[in-house]
Amino acid sequence: MSIQFLLRLLVLCVLLLQAQGGYQRWKKLQRKKATCERRPSTSHCTNHCSPFQKCTKENTMCCSTFCGNVCMDIL
């Protein structure tokens, strides 16, 4: 009986942690979506962002597109 209780408690904790991270990530994506208003072309798909969503070139920002996160010009 105690093993089932511990498993249920573990599952509950995991679900709560996912829910907390999910909301913060959603807010972050909503903020980024407003700034990336240009539509990407297929040529942008070769210029991917770093794993930390940073771009190496100046005047570019990381935007979520149909081919992943890519660096796009902000000018």
PDB file of N, CA and C in Angstrom:
ATOM      1  N   MET A   1       0.821  -1.193   0.000  1.00  0.00           N
ATOM      2  CA  MET A   1       0.000   0.000   0.000  1.00  0.00           C
ATOM      3  C   MET A   1       0.869   1.263   0.000  1.00  0.00           C
ATOM      4  N   SER A   2       1.951   1.248   0.745  1.00  0.00           N
ATOM      5  CA  SER A   2       2.787   2.439   0.815  1.00  0.00           C
ATOM      6  C   SER A   2       3.514   2.690  -0.510  1.00  0.00           C
ATOM      7  N   ILE A   3       3.829   1.648  -1.268  1.00  0.00           N
ATOM      8  CA  ILE A   3       4.485   1.833  -2.563  1.00  0.00           C
ATOM      9  C   ILE A   3       3.536   2.527  -3.541  1.00  0.00           C
ATOM     10  N   GLN A   4       2.277   2.151  -3.551  1.00  0.00           N
ATOM     11  CA  GLN A   4       1.298   2.794  -4.419  1.00  0.00           C
ATOM     12  C   GLN A   4       1.128   4.264  -4.033  1.00  0.00           C
ATOM     13  N   PHE A   5       1.127   4.541  -2.748  1.00  0.00           N
ATOM     14  CA  PHE A   5       1.017   5.931  -2.297  1.00  0.00           C
ATOM     15  C   PHE A   5       2.216   6.752  -2.761  1.00  0.00           C
ATOM     16  N   LEU A   6       3.409   6.206  -2.637  1.00  0.00           N
ATOM     17  CA  LEU A   6       4.604   6.921  -3.057  1.00  0.00           C
ATOM     18  C   LEU A   6       4.626   7.151  -4.571  1.00  0.00           C
ATOM     19  N   LEU A   7       4.174   6.162  -5.326  1.00  0.00           N
ATOM     20  CA  LEU A   7       4.113   6.334  -6.779  1.00  0.00           C
ATOM     21  C   LEU A   7       3.118   7.422  -7.166  1.00  0.00           C
ATOM     22  N   ARG A   8       1.982   7.442  -6.524  1.00  0.00           N
ATOM     23  CA  ARG A   8       0.983   8.482  -6.811  1.00  0.00           C
ATOM     24  C   ARG A   8       1.503   9.858  -6.422  1.00  0.00           C
ATOM     25  N   LEU A   9       2.199   9.934  -5.298  1.00  0.00           N
ATOM     26  CA  LEU A   9       2.772  11.210  -4.875  1.00  0.00           C
ATOM     27  C   LEU A   9       3.839  11.677  -5.862  1.00  0.00           C
ATOM     28  N   LEU A  10       4.643  10.770  -6.349  1.00  0.00           N
ATOM     29  CA  LEU A  10       5.664  11.104  -7.336  1.00  0.00           C
ATOM     30  C   LEU A  10       5.034  11.617  -8.629  1.00  0.00           C
ATOM     31  N   VAL A  11       4.014  10.954  -9.099  1.00  0.00           N
ATOM     32  CA  VAL A  11       3.321  11.381 -10.325  1.00  0.00           C
ATOM     33  C   VAL A  11       2.700  12.756 -10.123  1.00  0.00           C
ATOM     34  N   LEU A  12       2.110  12.995  -8.973  1.00  0.00           N
ATOM     35  CA  LEU A  12       1.515  14.297  -8.690  1.00  0.00           C
ATOM     36  C   LEU A  12       2.568  15.395  -8.690  1.00  0.00           C
ATOM     37  N   CYS A  13       3.715  15.137  -8.091  1.00  0.00           N
ATOM     38  CA  CYS A  13       4.793  16.131  -8.066  1.00  0.00           C
ATOM     39  C   CYS A  13       5.303  16.426  -9.475  1.00  0.00           C
ATOM     40  N   VAL A  14       5.458  15.404 -10.283  1.00  0.00           N
ATOM     41  CA  VAL A  14       5.926  15.602 -11.656  1.00  0.00           C
ATOM     42  C   VAL A  14       4.916  16.434 -12.447  1.00  0.00           C
ATOM     43  N   LEU A  15       3.644  16.155 -12.289  1.00  0.00           N
ATOM     44  CA  LEU A  15       2.620  16.919 -13.006  1.00  0.00           C
ATOM     45  C   LEU A  15       2.596  18.374 -12.564  1.00  0.00           C
ATOM     46  N   LEU A  16       2.774  18.613 -11.287  1.00  0.00           N
ATOM     47  CA  LEU A  16       2.793  19.992 -10.800  1.00  0.00           C
ATOM     48  C   LEU A  16       4.010  20.750 -11.315  1.00  0.00           C
ATOM     49  N   LEU A  17       5.157  20.108 -11.376  1.00  0.00           N
ATOM     50  CA  LEU A  17       6.341  20.770 -11.897  1.00  0.00           C
ATOM     51  C   LEU A  17       6.193  21.093 -13.385  1.00  0.00           C
ATOM     52  N   GLN A  18       5.593  20.187 -14.125  1.00  0.00           N
ATOM     53  CA  GLN A  18       5.377  20.451 -15.550  1.00  0.00           C
ATOM     54  C   GLN A  18       4.409  21.603 -15.743  1.00  0.00           C
ATOM     55  N   ALA A  19       3.393  21.671 -14.924  1.00  0.00           N
ATOM     56  CA  ALA A  19       2.410  22.746 -15.054  1.00  0.00           C
ATOM     57  C   ALA A  19       3.045  24.102 -14.759  1.00  0.00           C
ATOM     58  N   GLN A  20       3.929  24.174 -13.796  1.00  0.00           N
ATOM     59  CA  GLN A  20       4.574  25.442 -13.474  1.00  0.00           C
ATOM     60  C   GLN A  20       5.496  25.885 -14.600  1.00  0.00           C
ATOM     61  N   GLY A  21       6.291  24.999 -15.132  1.00  0.00           N
ATOM     62  CA  GLY A  21       7.201  25.353 -16.216  1.00  0.00           C
ATOM     63  C   GLY A  21       6.463  25.648 -17.501  1.00  0.00           C
ATOM     64  N   GLY A  22       5.351  24.980 -17.713  1.00  0.00           N
ATOM     65  CA  GLY A  22       4.594  25.173 -18.936  1.00  0.00           C
ATOM     66  C   GLY A  22       4.014  26.569 -19.054  1.00  0.00           C
ATOM     67  N   TYR A  23       3.511  27.109 -17.956  1.00  0.00           N
ATOM     68  CA  TYR A  23       2.898  28.438 -18.005  1.00  0.00           C
ATOM     69  C   TYR A  23       3.944  29.513 -18.260  1.00  0.00           C
ATOM     70  N   GLN A  24       5.090  29.416 -17.600  1.00  0.00           N
ATOM     71  CA  GLN A  24       6.136  30.409 -17.797  1.00  0.00           C
ATOM     72  C   GLN A  24       6.667  30.352 -19.220  1.00  0.00           C
ATOM     73  N   ARG A  25       6.804  29.157 -19.749  1.00  0.00           N
ATOM     74  CA  ARG A  25       7.291  29.017 -21.120  1.00  0.00           C
ATOM     75  C   ARG A  25       6.269  29.590 -22.102  1.00  0.00           C
ATOM     76  N   TRP A  26       4.977  29.396 -21.834  1.00  0.00           N
ATOM     77  CA  TRP A  26       3.928  29.920 -22.710  1.00  0.00           C
ATOM     78  C   TRP A  26       3.981  31.439 -22.742  1.00  0.00           C
ATOM     79  N   LYS A  27       4.161  32.078 -21.582  1.00  0.00           N
ATOM     80  CA  LYS A  27       4.249  33.533 -21.534  1.00  0.00           C
ATOM     81  C   LYS A  27       5.454  34.027 -22.316  1.00  0.00           C
ATOM     82  N   LYS A  28       6.581  33.315 -22.212  1.00  0.00           N
ATOM     83  CA  LYS A  28       7.791  33.702 -22.920  1.00  0.00           C
ATOM     84  C   LYS A  28       7.584  33.589 -24.430  1.00  0.00           C
ATOM     85  N   LEU A  29       6.922  32.529 -24.862  1.00  0.00           N
ATOM     86  CA  LEU A  29       6.662  32.355 -26.290  1.00  0.00           C
ATOM     87  C   LEU A  29       5.710  33.423 -26.814  1.00  0.00           C
ATOM     88  N   GLN A  30       4.730  33.819 -26.014  1.00  0.00           N
ATOM     89  CA  GLN A  30       3.807  34.856 -26.446  1.00  0.00           C
ATOM     90  C   GLN A  30       4.526  36.185 -26.638  1.00  0.00           C
ATOM     91  N   ARG A  31       5.475  36.488 -25.768  1.00  0.00           N
ATOM     92  CA  ARG A  31       6.258  37.705 -25.899  1.00  0.00           C
ATOM     93  C   ARG A  31       7.107  37.668 -27.164  1.00  0.00           C
ATOM     94  N   LYS A  32       7.738  36.534 -27.431  1.00  0.00           N
ATOM     95  CA  LYS A  32       8.592  36.408 -28.615  1.00  0.00           C
ATOM     96  C   LYS A  32       7.769  36.446 -29.896  1.00  0.00           C
ATOM     97  N   LYS A  33       6.556  35.882 -29.858  1.00  0.00           N
ATOM     98  CA  LYS A  33       5.728  35.842 -31.058  1.00  0.00           C
ATOM     99  C   LYS A  33       5.372  37.254 -31.514  1.00  0.00           C
ATOM    100  N   ALA A  34       5.155  38.154 -30.591  1.00  0.00           N
ATOM    101  CA  ALA A  34       4.782  39.518 -30.943  1.00  0.00           C
ATOM    102  C   ALA A  34       5.933  40.247 -31.634  1.00  0.00           C
ATOM    103  N   THR A  35       7.167  39.908 -31.313  1.00  0.00           N
ATOM    104  CA  THR A  35       8.298  40.605 -31.903  1.00  0.00           C
ATOM    105  C   THR A  35       8.714  40.012 -33.247  1.00  0.00           C
ATOM    106  N   CYS A  36       8.382  38.775 -33.527  1.00  0.00           N
ATOM    107  CA  CYS A  36       8.746  38.121 -34.792  1.00  0.00           C
ATOM    108  C   CYS A  36       7.535  38.136 -35.719  1.00  0.00           C
ATOM    109  N   GLU A  37       7.319  39.250 -36.361  1.00  0.00           N
ATOM    110  CA  GLU A  37       6.121  39.388 -37.183  1.00  0.00           C
ATOM    111  C   GLU A  37       6.361  39.071 -38.650  1.00  0.00           C
ATOM    112  N   ARG A  38       7.609  39.062 -39.079  1.00  0.00           N
ATOM    113  CA  ARG A  38       7.904  38.769 -40.482  1.00  0.00           C
ATOM    114  C   ARG A  38       7.749  37.289 -40.766  1.00  0.00           C
ATOM    115  N   ARG A  39       7.306  36.967 -41.963  1.00  0.00           N
ATOM    116  CA  ARG A  39       7.196  35.569 -42.380  1.00  0.00           C
ATOM    117  C   ARG A  39       8.540  35.096 -42.899  1.00  0.00           C
ATOM    118  N   PRO A  40       9.004  33.941 -42.435  1.00  0.00           N
ATOM    119  CA  PRO A  40      10.307  33.447 -42.895  1.00  0.00           C
ATOM    120  C   PRO A  40      10.209  32.797 -44.269  1.00  0.00           C
ATOM    121  N   SER A  41      11.292  32.861 -45.000  1.00  0.00           N
ATOM    122  CA  SER A  41      11.371  32.133 -46.263  1.00  0.00           C
ATOM    123  C   SER A  41      12.207  30.874 -46.031  1.00  0.00           C
ATOM    124  N   THR A  42      12.301  30.045 -47.028  1.00  0.00           N
ATOM    125  CA  THR A  42      13.075  28.809 -46.870  1.00  0.00           C
ATOM    126  C   THR A  42      14.562  29.085 -46.726  1.00  0.00           C
ATOM    127  N   SER A  43      15.041  30.249 -47.151  1.00  0.00           N
ATOM    128  CA  SER A  43      16.456  30.573 -46.988  1.00  0.00           C
ATOM    129  C   SER A  43      16.825  30.812 -45.529  1.00  0.00           C
ATOM    130  N   HIS A  44      15.856  31.181 -44.692  1.00  0.00           N
ATOM    131  CA  HIS A  44      16.122  31.386 -43.276  1.00  0.00           C
ATOM    132  C   HIS A  44      16.348  30.064 -42.535  1.00  0.00           C
ATOM    133  N   CYS A  45      15.930  28.963 -43.092  1.00  0.00           N
ATOM    134  CA  CYS A  45      16.001  27.666 -42.402  1.00  0.00           C
ATOM    135  C   CYS A  45      17.428  27.170 -42.200  1.00  0.00           C
ATOM    136  N   THR A  46      18.399  27.761 -42.858  1.00  0.00           N
ATOM    137  CA  THR A  46      19.783  27.334 -42.677  1.00  0.00           C
ATOM    138  C   THR A  46      20.470  28.093 -41.546  1.00  0.00           C
ATOM    139  N   ASN A  47      19.856  29.146 -41.043  1.00  0.00           N
ATOM    140  CA  ASN A  47      20.469  30.013 -40.045  1.00  0.00           C
ATOM    141  C   ASN A  47      19.800  29.771 -38.679  1.00  0.00           C
ATOM    142  N   HIS A  48      20.111  28.638 -38.039  1.00  0.00           N
ATOM    143  CA  HIS A  48      19.460  28.273 -36.780  1.00  0.00           C
ATOM    144  C   HIS A  48      20.056  29.011 -35.592  1.00  0.00           C
ATOM    145  N   CYS A  49      19.262  29.139 -34.534  1.00  0.00           N
ATOM    146  CA  CYS A  49      19.692  29.777 -33.284  1.00  0.00           C
ATOM    147  C   CYS A  49      20.513  28.788 -32.461  1.00  0.00           C
ATOM    148  N   SER A  50      21.191  29.327 -31.456  1.00  0.00           N
ATOM    149  CA  SER A  50      21.910  28.464 -30.520  1.00  0.00           C
ATOM    150  C   SER A  50      20.891  27.788 -29.599  1.00  0.00           C
ATOM    151  N   PRO A  51      21.306  26.765 -28.843  1.00  0.00           N
ATOM    152  CA  PRO A  51      20.366  26.108 -27.927  1.00  0.00           C
ATOM    153  C   PRO A  51      19.781  27.052 -26.879  1.00  0.00           C
ATOM    154  N   PHE A  52      20.436  28.179 -26.618  1.00  0.00           N
ATOM    155  CA  PHE A  52      19.933  29.152 -25.649  1.00  0.00           C
ATOM    156  C   PHE A  52      19.126  30.249 -26.322  1.00  0.00           C
ATOM    157  N   GLN A  53      18.735  30.031 -27.571  1.00  0.00           N
ATOM    158  CA  GLN A  53      17.963  30.962 -28.385  1.00  0.00           C
ATOM    159  C   GLN A  53      18.671  32.306 -28.531  1.00  0.00           C
ATOM    160  N   LYS A  54      19.958  32.235 -28.826  1.00  0.00           N
ATOM    161  CA  LYS A  54      20.767  33.425 -29.083  1.00  0.00           C
ATOM    162  C   LYS A  54      21.244  33.377 -30.532  1.00  0.00           C
ATOM    163  N   CYS A  55      21.406  34.552 -31.120  1.00  0.00           N
ATOM    164  CA  CYS A  55      21.927  34.661 -32.481  1.00  0.00           C
ATOM    165  C   CYS A  55      23.322  35.271 -32.443  1.00  0.00           C
ATOM    166  N   THR A  56      24.194  34.795 -33.323  1.00  0.00           N
ATOM    167  CA  THR A  56      25.573  35.274 -33.323  1.00  0.00           C
ATOM    168  C   THR A  56      25.724  36.594 -34.076  1.00  0.00           C
ATOM    169  N   LYS A  57      24.920  36.826 -35.089  1.00  0.00           N
ATOM    170  CA  LYS A  57      25.019  38.058 -35.869  1.00  0.00           C
ATOM    171  C   LYS A  57      24.257  39.189 -35.186  1.00  0.00           C
ATOM    172  N   GLU A  58      24.721  40.418 -35.415  1.00  0.00           N
ATOM    173  CA  GLU A  58      24.026  41.584 -34.882  1.00  0.00           C
ATOM    174  C   GLU A  58      22.758  41.843 -35.688  1.00  0.00           C
ATOM    175  N   ASN A  59      21.815  42.530 -35.081  1.00  0.00           N
ATOM    176  CA  ASN A  59      20.537  42.896 -35.701  1.00  0.00           C
ATOM    177  C   ASN A  59      19.726  41.680 -36.135  1.00  0.00           C
ATOM    178  N   THR A  60      19.885  40.576 -35.427  1.00  0.00           N
ATOM    179  CA  THR A  60      19.066  39.389 -35.669  1.00  0.00           C
ATOM    180  C   THR A  60      18.482  38.922 -34.348  1.00  0.00           C
ATOM    181  N   MET A  61      17.364  38.222 -34.433  1.00  0.00           N
ATOM    182  CA  MET A  61      16.755  37.662 -33.234  1.00  0.00           C
ATOM    183  C   MET A  61      16.236  36.275 -33.533  1.00  0.00           C
ATOM    184  N   CYS A  62      16.114  35.471 -32.509  1.00  0.00           N
ATOM    185  CA  CYS A  62      15.678  34.088 -32.655  1.00  0.00           C
ATOM    186  C   CYS A  62      14.154  34.049 -32.733  1.00  0.00           C
ATOM    187  N   CYS A  63      13.623  33.468 -33.797  1.00  0.00           N
ATOM    188  CA  CYS A  63      12.179  33.371 -34.003  1.00  0.00           C
ATOM    189  C   CYS A  63      11.793  31.918 -34.239  1.00  0.00           C
ATOM    190  N   SER A  64      10.638  31.542 -33.752  1.00  0.00           N
ATOM    191  CA  SER A  64      10.129  30.197 -33.952  1.00  0.00           C
ATOM    192  C   SER A  64       9.414  30.138 -35.297  1.00  0.00           C
ATOM    193  N   THR A  65       9.828  29.198 -36.163  1.00  0.00           N
ATOM    194  CA  THR A  65       9.250  29.083 -37.501  1.00  0.00           C
ATOM    195  C   THR A  65       8.877  27.642 -37.785  1.00  0.00           C
ATOM    196  N   PHE A  66       8.410  27.386 -38.994  1.00  0.00           N
ATOM    197  CA  PHE A  66       8.008  26.037 -39.391  1.00  0.00           C
ATOM    198  C   PHE A  66       9.188  25.088 -39.492  1.00  0.00           C
ATOM    199  N   CYS A  67      10.414  25.623 -39.583  1.00  0.00           N
ATOM    200  CA  CYS A  67      11.597  24.762 -39.682  1.00  0.00           C
ATOM    201  C   CYS A  67      12.456  24.832 -38.426  1.00  0.00           C
ATOM    202  N   GLY A  68      11.890  25.264 -37.312  1.00  0.00           N
ATOM    203  CA  GLY A  68      12.619  25.348 -36.054  1.00  0.00           C
ATOM    204  C   GLY A  68      12.894  26.795 -35.679  1.00  0.00           C
ATOM    205  N   ASN A  69      13.750  26.995 -34.705  1.00  0.00           N
ATOM    206  CA  ASN A  69      14.125  28.341 -34.283  1.00  0.00           C
ATOM    207  C   ASN A  69      15.258  28.839 -35.158  1.00  0.00           C
ATOM    208  N   VAL A  70      15.018  29.953 -35.850  1.00  0.00           N
ATOM    209  CA  VAL A  70      16.006  30.514 -36.766  1.00  0.00           C
ATOM    210  C   VAL A  70      16.257  31.972 -36.427  1.00  0.00           C
ATOM    211  N   CYS A  71      17.428  32.465 -36.824  1.00  0.00           N
ATOM    212  CA  CYS A  71      17.779  33.865 -36.638  1.00  0.00           C
ATOM    213  C   CYS A  71      17.246  34.660 -37.837  1.00  0.00           C
ATOM    214  N   MET A  72      16.489  35.727 -37.534  1.00  0.00           N
ATOM    215  CA  MET A  72      15.940  36.571 -38.588  1.00  0.00           C
ATOM    216  C   MET A  72      16.358  38.003 -38.351  1.00  0.00           C
ATOM    217  N   ASP A  73      16.503  38.764 -39.439  1.00  0.00           N
ATOM    218  CA  ASP A  73      16.860  40.178 -39.339  1.00  0.00           C
ATOM    219  C   ASP A  73      15.717  40.956 -38.698  1.00  0.00           C
ATOM    220  N   ILE A  74      16.075  41.916 -37.848  1.00  0.00           N
ATOM    221  CA  ILE A  74      15.032  42.725 -37.220  1.00  0.00           C
ATOM    222  C   ILE A  74      14.861  44.050 -37.935  1.00  0.00           C
ATOM    223  N   LEU A  75      15.711  44.334 -38.912  1.00  0.00           N
ATOM    224  CA  LEU A  75      15.602  45.593 -39.654  1.00  0.00           C
ATOM    225  C   LEU A  75      14.714  45.481 -40.847  1.00  0.00           C
TER     226      LEU A  75
END
